[in-house]
Each structure stands twice: as C-alpha cells, then as structure tokens.
C-alpha cells in the first residue's frame, strides 16, 4: 500500500540530501524549488498522480545534479 504522507516525507528528505551536492551558489534556489513543489502539490490525493510526481521529482533532481557535475569549478 502506498502511504502518501510517509512517501512525501521520504522524498523531501531525499531531495534535500541530494541538494547538498550542489554548489552553494545555487543550493538555496533549488531547495526553495523543492519546498514550492511540495506546497503546490500538498492537496493532491490521487495515489497514481502522486507516484508520477514523485518519480518526476527524482528525475529532475538527478538531471540538476548531473548538470552541475559536468560544469568545471562549480563548488
């Protein structure tokens, strides 16, 4: 069974941990985006929609991390 509140907390923690790998100059921007995304979808109650949102959030985070890994001297 999918527990939306537990999954949301877990995803939030996971995304914040991933953001630690970002350069300081952009870290707060992306953390703000994480917060905004959670607030924007806070009233969603369809489990299938939430699963798609969570999967997309992880893909987006991985994309951002890869973007900054490929840039020289971004710490």
Protein backbone atom coordinates (compact mmCIF):
# COMPACT_ATOMS: atom_id res chain seq x y z
CA UNK A 1 0.00 0.00 0.00
CA UNK A 2 1.19 3.49 -0.88
CA UNK A 3 1.39 5.81 2.13
CA UNK A 4 1.38 9.31 0.68
CA UNK A 5 2.47 11.22 3.81
CA UNK A 6 5.34 8.83 4.53
CA UNK A 7 6.41 8.80 0.89
CA UNK A 8 6.29 12.60 0.75
CA UNK A 9 8.47 12.96 3.85
CA UNK A 10 10.91 10.41 2.48
CA UNK A 11 11.09 12.15 -0.89
CA UNK A 12 11.53 15.56 0.74
CA UNK A 13 14.46 14.25 2.81
CA UNK A 14 15.95 12.53 -0.23
CA UNK A 15 15.77 15.67 -2.37
CA UNK A 16 17.27 17.84 0.37
CA UNK A 17 20.13 15.37 0.83
CA UNK A 18 20.78 15.38 -2.90
CA UNK A 19 20.84 19.17 -2.88
CA UNK A 20 23.89 19.08 -0.60
CA UNK A 21 25.92 18.03 -3.65
CA UNK A 22 25.03 21.26 -5.46
CA UNK A 23 27.28 24.32 -5.46
CA UNK A 24 26.47 26.71 -2.63
CA UNK A 25 25.62 29.45 -5.11
CA UNK A 26 22.56 27.54 -6.38
CA UNK A 27 21.72 25.23 -3.49
CA UNK A 28 19.22 27.55 -1.81
CA UNK A 29 17.46 28.22 -5.11
CA UNK A 30 16.86 24.52 -5.68
CA UNK A 31 15.87 23.95 -2.07
CA UNK A 32 13.29 26.70 -2.48
CA UNK A 33 12.03 24.94 -5.59
CA UNK A 34 11.69 21.71 -3.61
CA UNK A 35 9.64 23.48 -0.93
CA UNK A 36 7.48 25.22 -3.52
CA UNK A 37 6.78 21.95 -5.30
CA UNK A 38 5.66 20.28 -2.11
CA UNK A 39 3.39 23.18 -1.20
CA UNK A 40 1.93 23.31 -4.72
CA UNK A 41 1.01 19.62 -4.66
CA UNK A 42 0.07 19.42 -1.00
CA UNK A 43 -3.61 18.97 -1.73
CA UNK A 44 -3.16 16.16 -4.27
CA UNK A 45 -4.75 12.94 -3.05
CA UNK A 46 -4.67 10.64 -6.09
CA UNK A 47 -2.03 7.97 -5.41
CA UNK A 48 -1.21 7.44 -9.09
CA UNK A 49 -0.71 11.15 -9.69
CA UNK A 50 1.47 11.39 -6.59
CA UNK A 51 3.62 8.47 -7.75
CA UNK A 52 4.16 10.22 -11.10
CA UNK A 53 5.00 13.50 -9.36
CA UNK A 54 7.49 11.74 -7.05
CA UNK A 55 9.15 9.92 -9.95
CA UNK A 56 9.45 13.15 -11.93
CA UNK A 57 10.91 14.97 -8.91
CA UNK A 58 13.65 12.35 -8.59
CA UNK A 59 14.40 12.51 -12.34
CA UNK A 60 14.55 16.31 -12.17
CA UNK A 61 16.89 16.23 -9.18
CA UNK A 62 19.19 13.77 -10.92
CA UNK A 63 19.20 15.97 -14.02
CA UNK A 64 20.14 19.06 -11.98
CA UNK A 65 22.91 17.18 -10.17
CA UNK A 66 24.32 15.89 -13.46
CA UNK A 67 24.15 19.39 -14.92
CA UNK A 68 26.33 20.80 -12.16
CA UNK A 69 28.68 17.81 -12.06
CA UNK A 70 29.57 18.47 -15.68
CA UNK A 71 30.48 22.12 -15.08
CA UNK A 72 34.06 22.89 -14.02
CA UNK A 73 34.70 24.61 -10.68
CA UNK A 74 31.09 24.91 -9.56
CA UNK A 75 31.64 24.42 -5.85
